[in-house]
Protein backbone atom coordinates (compact mmCIF):
# COMPACT_ATOMS: atom_id res chain seq x y z
CA MET A 1 34.74 143.47 -127.85
CA GLU A 2 36.11 146.96 -127.36
CA ARG A 3 39.49 145.78 -128.64
CA ILE A 4 38.04 144.57 -131.93
CA GLY A 5 36.08 147.77 -132.42
CA VAL A 6 32.56 146.68 -131.57
CA SER A 7 30.13 149.60 -131.41
CA PRO A 8 29.71 150.76 -127.79
CA GLY A 9 25.95 150.60 -128.21
CA GLY A 10 26.13 146.97 -129.28
CA ILE A 11 28.17 145.67 -126.35
CA PRO A 12 25.33 145.72 -123.76
CA ILE A 13 23.16 143.88 -126.30
CA MET A 14 25.73 141.19 -127.00
CA VAL A 15 27.02 140.52 -123.47
CA PRO A 16 23.82 138.80 -122.25
CA LYS A 17 24.05 136.46 -125.24
CA GLN A 18 27.59 135.42 -124.28
CA LEU A 19 27.35 134.87 -120.52
CA HIS A 20 26.03 131.46 -119.52
CA VAL A 21 24.34 130.85 -116.17
CA SER A 22 23.00 127.78 -114.36
CA LEU A 23 20.53 128.21 -111.50
CA LYS A 24 18.94 125.56 -109.31
CA VAL A 25 15.31 125.74 -108.19
CA GLU A 26 14.25 123.28 -105.50
CA GLY A 27 10.95 121.58 -104.72
CA LEU A 28 8.93 122.27 -107.88
CA ALA A 29 5.68 120.47 -108.58
CA PRO A 30 5.99 118.49 -111.85
CA GLY A 31 3.47 120.74 -113.64
CA ARG A 32 5.53 123.83 -112.92
CA ALA A 33 8.75 122.12 -113.88
CA ASN A 34 7.31 120.90 -117.20
CA VAL A 35 6.14 124.40 -118.15
CA MET A 36 9.53 125.84 -117.26
CA LYS A 37 11.32 123.21 -119.29
CA GLN A 38 9.23 123.79 -122.39
CA GLU A 39 9.55 127.56 -122.18
CA MET A 40 13.33 127.41 -121.70
CA LEU A 41 13.72 124.87 -124.51
CA SER A 42 11.82 127.20 -126.82
CA ALA A 43 14.29 129.96 -125.92
CA GLY A 44 17.25 127.70 -126.74
CA GLY A 45 18.20 126.87 -123.14
CA GLU A 46 17.72 123.77 -121.00
CA VAL A 47 16.11 122.65 -117.76
CA ALA A 48 17.29 119.42 -116.13
CA VAL A 49 14.68 117.72 -113.94
CA SER A 50 14.31 114.36 -112.22
CA LYS A 51 13.10 111.30 -114.05
CA GLY A 52 9.33 111.02 -113.82
CA THR A 53 8.67 114.76 -114.06
CA ALA A 54 7.21 114.59 -117.56
CA SER A 55 4.72 111.90 -116.50
CA CYS A 56 4.08 113.66 -113.17
CA SER A 57 4.92 110.42 -111.36
CA VAL A 58 7.08 112.27 -108.80
CA GLU A 59 5.70 114.60 -106.14
CA THR A 60 8.38 117.27 -106.58
CA THR A 61 11.60 117.81 -108.49
CA ASP A 62 14.56 120.11 -108.32
CA ALA A 63 15.43 121.84 -111.58
CA ILE A 64 18.74 123.06 -112.94
CA ILE A 65 18.05 125.83 -115.44
CA SER A 66 20.87 126.58 -117.87
CA GLY A 67 21.15 129.25 -120.52
CA THR A 68 22.47 132.64 -121.45
CA LEU A 69 21.27 135.77 -119.71
CA SER A 70 19.21 136.57 -122.80
CA GLN A 71 17.52 133.17 -122.61
CA PHE A 72 16.79 133.68 -118.92
CA ARG A 73 15.14 137.00 -119.75
CA ILE A 74 12.91 135.29 -122.29
CA LEU A 75 12.05 132.59 -119.73
CA THR A 76 11.16 135.00 -116.93
CA ASP A 77 9.06 137.13 -119.29
CA LYS A 78 7.06 134.03 -120.20
CA LEU A 79 6.76 132.69 -116.65
CA ARG A 80 5.51 136.04 -115.41
CA ILE A 81 2.25 135.58 -117.34
CA GLN A 82 1.76 131.92 -116.40
CA SER A 83 -0.40 130.42 -113.67
CA PHE A 84 0.64 127.61 -111.25
CA GLY A 85 2.65 130.08 -109.14
CA LEU A 86 5.21 130.54 -111.90
CA LYS A 87 5.03 134.30 -111.55
CA GLU A 88 6.70 133.89 -108.16
CA VAL A 89 9.33 131.60 -109.69
CA ALA A 90 10.07 134.25 -112.32
CA ALA A 91 10.54 136.85 -109.59
CA ALA A 92 12.90 134.54 -107.69
CA LEU A 93 14.97 133.89 -110.82
CA GLU A 94 15.21 137.60 -111.57
CA ASP A 95 16.27 138.27 -107.99
CA ALA A 96 18.97 135.58 -108.17
CA LEU A 97 20.32 136.94 -111.45
CA ALA A 98 20.46 140.47 -110.03
CA LYS A 99 22.34 139.25 -106.97
CA LEU A 100 24.68 137.17 -109.11
CA GLY A 101 25.60 140.29 -111.04
CA ARG A 102 26.35 142.39 -107.98
CA ARG A 103 30.07 143.11 -107.82
CA GLU A 104 30.31 145.70 -105.06
CA PHE A 105 29.06 145.95 -101.49
CA VAL A 106 29.35 148.85 -99.09
CA ILE A 107 29.28 147.78 -95.44
CA GLU A 108 28.44 150.69 -93.16
CA GLY A 109 29.82 150.41 -89.65
CA ARG A 110 29.03 152.70 -86.77
CA SER A 111 32.03 154.95 -87.43
CA ARG A 112 33.41 153.87 -90.81
CA SER A 113 32.52 151.97 -93.96
CA TRP A 114 34.16 149.42 -96.23
CA THR A 115 33.73 148.82 -99.95
CA LEU A 116 33.98 145.15 -100.89
CA GLY A 117 34.29 143.85 -104.40
CA ALA A 118 37.33 144.94 -106.33
CA ARG A 119 39.55 144.44 -103.29
CA THR A 120 39.39 141.54 -100.86
CA LEU A 121 39.32 142.51 -97.20
CA VAL A 122 41.64 140.69 -94.77
CA MET A 123 40.52 140.03 -91.20
CA GLY A 124 43.27 139.15 -88.75
CA ILE A 125 42.53 136.51 -86.10
CA LEU A 126 43.28 137.37 -82.47
CA ASN A 127 42.40 134.59 -80.06
CA ILE A 128 42.59 135.62 -76.41
CA THR A 129 42.28 132.01 -75.32
CA PRO A 130 44.51 129.33 -73.83
CA ASP A 131 43.20 126.56 -76.08
CA SER A 132 42.73 127.71 -79.71
CA PHE A 133 44.12 125.18 -82.16
CA TYR A 134 46.92 127.35 -83.59
CA ASP A 135 47.70 130.41 -81.47
CA GLY A 136 46.09 129.36 -78.20
CA GLY A 137 47.93 130.98 -75.28
CA ARG A 138 50.21 133.17 -77.39
CA PHE A 139 48.09 136.27 -76.87
CA PHE A 140 46.28 135.38 -73.66
CA ASP A 141 48.05 138.28 -71.98
CA ALA A 142 46.24 141.55 -72.80
CA GLY A 143 49.47 143.41 -73.55
CA ALA A 144 50.62 140.76 -76.01
CA ALA A 145 47.18 140.74 -77.62
CA VAL A 146 47.17 144.51 -78.17
CA GLU A 147 50.68 144.38 -79.63
CA ARG A 148 49.65 141.60 -82.01
CA ALA A 149 46.55 143.53 -83.13
CA LEU A 150 48.63 146.60 -83.96
CA GLU A 151 51.13 144.41 -85.80
CA MET A 152 48.42 142.80 -87.92
CA ARG A 153 47.05 146.21 -88.85
CA GLU A 154 50.50 147.25 -90.07
CA LEU A 155 50.74 144.02 -92.07
CA GLY A 156 47.51 144.82 -93.94
CA ALA A 157 44.53 143.66 -91.87
CA GLU A 158 41.47 145.87 -92.20
CA TRP A 159 39.71 144.20 -89.25
CA ILE A 160 40.97 142.39 -86.16
CA ASP A 161 38.64 139.59 -85.08
CA VAL A 162 38.90 139.30 -81.28
CA GLY A 163 37.60 136.16 -79.62
CA GLY A 164 37.64 134.95 -76.03
CA GLU A 165 36.27 131.44 -76.57
CA SER A 166 37.80 128.78 -78.76
CA THR A 167 35.53 127.33 -81.44
CA ARG A 168 37.88 124.51 -82.47
CA PRO A 169 36.40 121.00 -82.59
CA GLY A 170 36.05 119.66 -79.07
CA ALA A 171 36.51 123.00 -77.33
CA GLU A 172 34.82 123.52 -73.96
CA PRO A 173 32.39 126.44 -73.58
CA VAL A 174 33.43 129.56 -71.68
CA ALA A 175 31.11 131.51 -69.37
CA ALA A 176 30.04 134.93 -70.66
CA ALA A 177 31.64 136.73 -67.69
CA GLU A 178 35.01 135.12 -68.38
CA GLU A 179 34.74 135.81 -72.10
CA ILE A 180 34.02 139.48 -71.34
CA ARG A 181 36.97 139.62 -68.92
CA ARG A 182 39.27 138.37 -71.65
CA VAL A 183 38.16 140.50 -74.60
CA VAL A 184 36.89 143.86 -73.35
CA PRO A 185 40.23 145.34 -72.15
CA VAL A 186 41.86 144.38 -75.45
CA ILE A 187 39.00 145.80 -77.52
CA GLU A 188 39.12 149.07 -75.60
CA ALA A 189 42.87 149.40 -76.03
CA VAL A 190 42.92 148.40 -79.71
CA SER A 191 39.89 150.38 -80.86
CA SER A 192 41.19 153.51 -79.07
CA ARG A 193 44.19 153.31 -81.40
CA GLY A 194 41.97 153.47 -84.47
CA VAL A 195 41.99 149.73 -85.23
CA THR A 196 38.70 148.21 -86.41
CA VAL A 197 37.63 145.32 -84.20
CA SER A 198 35.05 142.58 -84.71
CA ILE A 199 33.94 140.48 -81.75
CA ASP A 200 33.91 136.73 -82.34
CA THR A 201 31.19 135.46 -80.02
CA THR A 202 27.91 133.56 -79.95
CA LYS A 203 26.63 135.31 -76.81
CA ALA A 204 24.50 138.46 -76.93
CA ARG A 205 25.80 139.62 -73.54
CA VAL A 206 29.40 139.43 -74.74
CA ALA A 207 28.55 141.15 -78.01
CA ARG A 208 26.86 144.04 -76.20
CA GLU A 209 29.84 144.59 -73.89
CA ALA A 210 32.27 144.36 -76.81
CA LEU A 211 30.28 146.85 -78.90
CA ASP A 212 30.12 149.24 -75.96
CA ALA A 213 33.90 148.87 -75.61
CA GLY A 214 34.48 149.91 -79.24
CA ALA A 215 33.95 146.87 -81.44
CA GLU A 216 32.36 147.64 -84.83
CA ILE A 217 31.23 144.20 -86.04
CA VAL A 218 29.75 141.02 -84.58
CA ASN A 219 31.08 137.71 -85.93
CA ASP A 220 28.66 135.01 -84.78
CA VAL A 221 29.63 131.48 -85.80
CA SER A 222 26.23 130.25 -84.59
CA ALA A 223 24.27 132.74 -86.77
CA PHE A 224 22.16 134.21 -83.95
CA SER A 225 21.51 131.04 -81.95
CA ASP A 226 21.26 133.32 -78.90
CA PRO A 227 17.73 134.72 -79.24
CA GLU A 228 18.93 138.14 -78.05
CA MET A 229 21.84 138.49 -80.48
CA ALA A 230 19.88 139.83 -83.45
CA GLY A 231 18.35 142.48 -81.23
CA VAL A 232 21.78 143.58 -80.00
CA CYS A 233 23.03 143.93 -83.58
CA ALA A 234 19.89 145.81 -84.63
CA GLU A 235 20.11 148.13 -81.64
CA HIS A 236 23.78 148.96 -82.25
CA LYS A 237 23.30 149.17 -86.04
CA CYS A 238 26.46 147.15 -86.52
CA PRO A 239 27.53 144.82 -89.34
CA CYS A 240 27.21 141.13 -88.51
CA ILE A 241 28.64 137.91 -89.90
CA LEU A 242 26.38 134.85 -90.00
CA MET A 243 28.09 131.48 -90.31
CA HIS A 244 26.87 127.95 -90.97
CA ARG A 245 27.77 125.46 -88.28
CA ARG A 246 26.22 122.10 -87.57
CA GLY A 247 26.07 121.45 -83.82
CA THR A 248 28.51 122.88 -81.28
CA PRO A 249 32.32 122.75 -81.09
CA GLY A 250 31.91 119.65 -78.96
CA THR A 251 29.72 117.81 -81.47
CA MET A 252 30.15 119.38 -84.91
CA GLN A 253 32.72 116.92 -86.28
CA LYS A 254 30.81 113.82 -85.20
CA GLU A 255 28.37 113.98 -88.12
CA THR A 256 29.67 115.54 -91.32
CA ARG A 257 27.52 113.73 -93.89
CA TYR A 258 25.03 115.76 -95.90
CA ALA A 259 22.52 114.74 -98.55
CA ASP A 260 23.51 117.87 -100.47
CA LEU A 261 26.13 119.94 -98.65
CA VAL A 262 25.98 123.14 -100.70
CA SER A 263 22.19 123.15 -100.79
CA GLU A 264 21.92 122.66 -97.02
CA VAL A 265 24.50 125.33 -96.20
CA TYR A 266 22.92 127.74 -98.70
CA ASN A 267 19.39 127.22 -97.38
CA TYR A 268 20.55 127.59 -93.78
CA LEU A 269 22.28 130.89 -94.52
CA HIS A 270 19.26 132.09 -96.48
CA SER A 271 16.99 131.31 -93.54
CA ARG A 272 19.30 133.09 -91.07
CA LEU A 273 19.40 136.16 -93.30
CA GLU A 274 15.60 136.18 -93.32
CA TYR A 275 15.59 135.83 -89.54
CA ALA A 276 18.06 138.70 -89.19
CA GLY A 277 15.94 140.94 -91.41
CA ALA A 278 12.77 140.06 -89.53
CA SER A 279 14.57 140.92 -86.28
CA GLY A 280 15.41 144.43 -87.40
CA VAL A 281 18.94 143.92 -88.68
CA ASP A 282 19.80 146.03 -91.73
CA MET A 283 20.35 143.47 -94.52
CA GLU A 284 22.99 145.71 -96.11
CA LYS A 285 25.08 145.14 -92.99
CA THR A 286 25.05 141.34 -93.19
CA ILE A 287 27.88 139.05 -94.32
CA VAL A 288 27.70 135.27 -94.81
CA ASP A 289 30.25 132.57 -94.02
CA PRO A 290 29.78 128.95 -95.19
CA GLY A 291 31.73 127.72 -92.17
CA ILE A 292 34.83 125.97 -93.49
CA GLY A 293 35.89 123.42 -90.87
CA PHE A 294 32.68 123.65 -88.86
CA GLY A 295 30.80 120.38 -89.19
CA LYS A 296 32.23 119.45 -92.58
CA SER A 297 34.39 116.59 -93.83
CA LEU A 298 37.66 117.02 -95.69
CA ASP A 299 35.88 116.56 -99.02
CA GLY A 300 33.05 118.82 -97.87
CA ASN A 301 35.41 121.69 -97.10
CA ILE A 302 37.04 121.36 -100.50
CA GLU A 303 33.64 121.22 -102.20
CA LEU A 304 32.54 124.44 -100.48
CA VAL A 305 35.64 126.29 -101.65
CA GLY A 306 35.21 124.99 -105.19
CA ARG A 307 31.52 125.94 -105.32
CA LEU A 308 31.71 129.17 -103.33
CA ASN A 309 30.48 131.10 -106.34
CA GLU A 310 27.02 129.57 -105.85
CA PHE A 311 26.57 131.53 -102.61
CA ARG A 312 26.67 134.80 -104.55
CA THR A 313 22.93 134.52 -105.21
CA LEU A 314 22.39 135.19 -101.50
CA GLY A 315 23.27 138.74 -102.45
CA ARG A 316 25.65 139.29 -99.54
CA PRO A 317 29.45 139.49 -99.18
CA ILE A 318 31.10 136.14 -98.54
CA LEU A 319 33.66 135.54 -95.80
CA ILE A 320 35.83 132.44 -95.69
CA GLY A 321 38.07 131.28 -92.84
CA PRO A 322 40.32 128.40 -93.93
CA SER A 323 43.38 129.49 -91.95
CA ARG A 324 45.65 126.52 -91.14
CA LYS A 325 42.68 124.20 -90.63
CA SER A 326 42.93 120.43 -90.42
CA PHE A 327 41.48 119.72 -93.87
CA ILE A 328 44.51 121.48 -95.35
CA GLY A 329 46.86 119.33 -93.30
CA ALA A 330 45.00 116.16 -94.27
CA THR A 331 44.99 117.07 -97.97
CA LEU A 332 48.72 117.72 -97.89
CA GLY A 333 49.69 114.39 -96.39
CA GLY A 334 48.98 114.94 -92.72
CA ILE A 335 51.23 117.94 -92.13
CA GLY A 336 50.98 119.80 -88.83
CA VAL A 337 49.43 123.18 -88.20
CA GLU A 338 52.79 124.97 -88.35
CA GLU A 339 53.30 123.76 -91.92
CA ARG A 340 49.95 124.81 -93.38
CA LEU A 341 50.70 128.36 -94.50
CA ALA A 342 51.17 127.54 -98.20
CA GLY A 343 48.00 125.45 -98.20
CA THR A 344 46.08 128.25 -96.54
CA VAL A 345 47.26 130.75 -99.14
CA ALA A 346 46.24 128.35 -101.93
CA VAL A 347 42.75 127.86 -100.49
CA SER A 348 42.34 131.59 -99.91
CA THR A 349 43.35 132.39 -103.49
CA ALA A 350 40.94 129.80 -104.89
CA ALA A 351 38.19 131.21 -102.68
CA ILE A 352 38.76 134.74 -103.95
CA MET A 353 38.60 133.56 -107.54
CA ASN A 354 35.31 131.84 -106.67
CA GLY A 355 33.71 134.89 -105.09
CA ALA A 356 35.05 135.40 -101.54
CA ASN A 357 35.14 139.01 -100.38
CA ILE A 358 36.76 138.62 -96.95
CA LEU A 359 39.52 136.32 -95.65
CA ARG A 360 39.76 135.50 -91.94
CA VAL A 361 43.37 134.48 -91.35
CA HIS A 362 46.24 134.19 -88.88
CA ASP A 363 48.93 135.07 -91.43
CA VAL A 364 48.02 138.58 -92.52
CA LYS A 365 51.05 139.58 -94.61
CA GLU A 366 51.05 136.50 -96.82
CA SER A 367 47.27 136.55 -97.18
CA ARG A 368 47.22 140.24 -98.08
CA GLU A 369 49.81 139.68 -100.83
CA ALA A 370 47.95 136.63 -102.18
CA ALA A 371 44.67 138.56 -102.13
CA ASP A 372 46.19 141.49 -104.01
CA MET A 373 47.40 139.17 -106.76
CA ALA A 374 44.10 137.29 -106.95
CA ASP A 375 42.18 140.58 -107.04
CA ALA A 376 44.32 141.80 -109.94
CA ILE A 377 43.69 138.60 -111.91
CA ARG A 378 40.00 138.48 -111.04
CA GLY A 379 39.59 142.11 -112.05
CA GLU A 380 41.15 141.46 -115.42
CA ILE A 381 38.96 138.42 -116.04
CA PHE A 382 35.85 140.35 -115.04
CA SER A 383 36.65 143.28 -117.30
CA GLU A 384 37.26 140.96 -120.24
CA LYS A 385 33.93 139.22 -119.72
CA THR A 386 31.70 142.17 -119.10
CA GLY A 387 33.09 145.14 -120.91
CA HIS A 388 35.28 146.58 -118.16
CA GLY A 389 33.09 146.04 -115.15
CA ASP A 390 29.64 146.91 -116.49
CA SER A 391 27.35 144.60 -114.52
CA ALA A 392 24.17 146.05 -115.96
CA ALA A 393 23.93 143.04 -118.24
CA PHE A 394 23.01 140.89 -115.24
């Protein structure tokens, strides 16, 4: 609009009329859904509901509300003065739209901070294990692990994710004492050299020792399954990553069917964020991960990447970890783990274009270059759509 000479005062008025949004609301009583549908229709939008909603012959229905931002504003203004609990629905819709429009996050660590949004952050994987699916055993020696961490920093990694227990499908659990023995010396050595470290663990005891050794972030693939983990993160005031995983490494690939994959993953992450907040964790320090490869089928992993944008309404930065995983090999004709670099870069690029803020990868150099290109393209698309980055319209 700027290029064709539209008045600067008119751009914020016109943008909400041009941006189209679809939001899903689950579990509405038919009466509520019917009111919403009529109000949105009167504004020129649409609400899709299940058959039988109009006659109230169903107990509940999900609703997909579609319209421009201007139409959503009309809808929420009308719902706010309605009964039947629609005031609360209006508030939820307004909250989702505000989160959808958020383009920048500042994650405050204990000694530094990171701004996510315009630039994708790259997290380098460092497995101090003998049995990880790709680099197991390569960096089991502490000296080799420290050298690899420093190398990944030079290649462009902002964080090094250190783990002492494999989370690959079928992996055996490791005792906390052994996990600590593996990771703490490496964390101490790496963090003392100014490298940011996250600890990849599901155990509160390990997280505490790692944080005391210099780690800045906790990456918990079980999203606080250890009842003490949230308290450790709250006490240390550290950022934390909450991931969706069904089951354990030993069981997670035995049942990968979902009635609605994205809905279940979304609702799980939403509930874990609420749990974290109720446990004293600063919500501005939380990051979500849909758990690519953790209890999902090949098609499920691809669906999550393609629909990653839907997780933006959680209002938190999104991490994705597709690095050299089996669904890439299966999609590309059964190729082995050593041949999956190009596929990983393709998935990572698609994820960035769909809203990912952080990549967790083995191949830092290639991922950093791909992220820089995707960020440049995404930035240009965003500026074209919203008047050079003005998200106030949301």
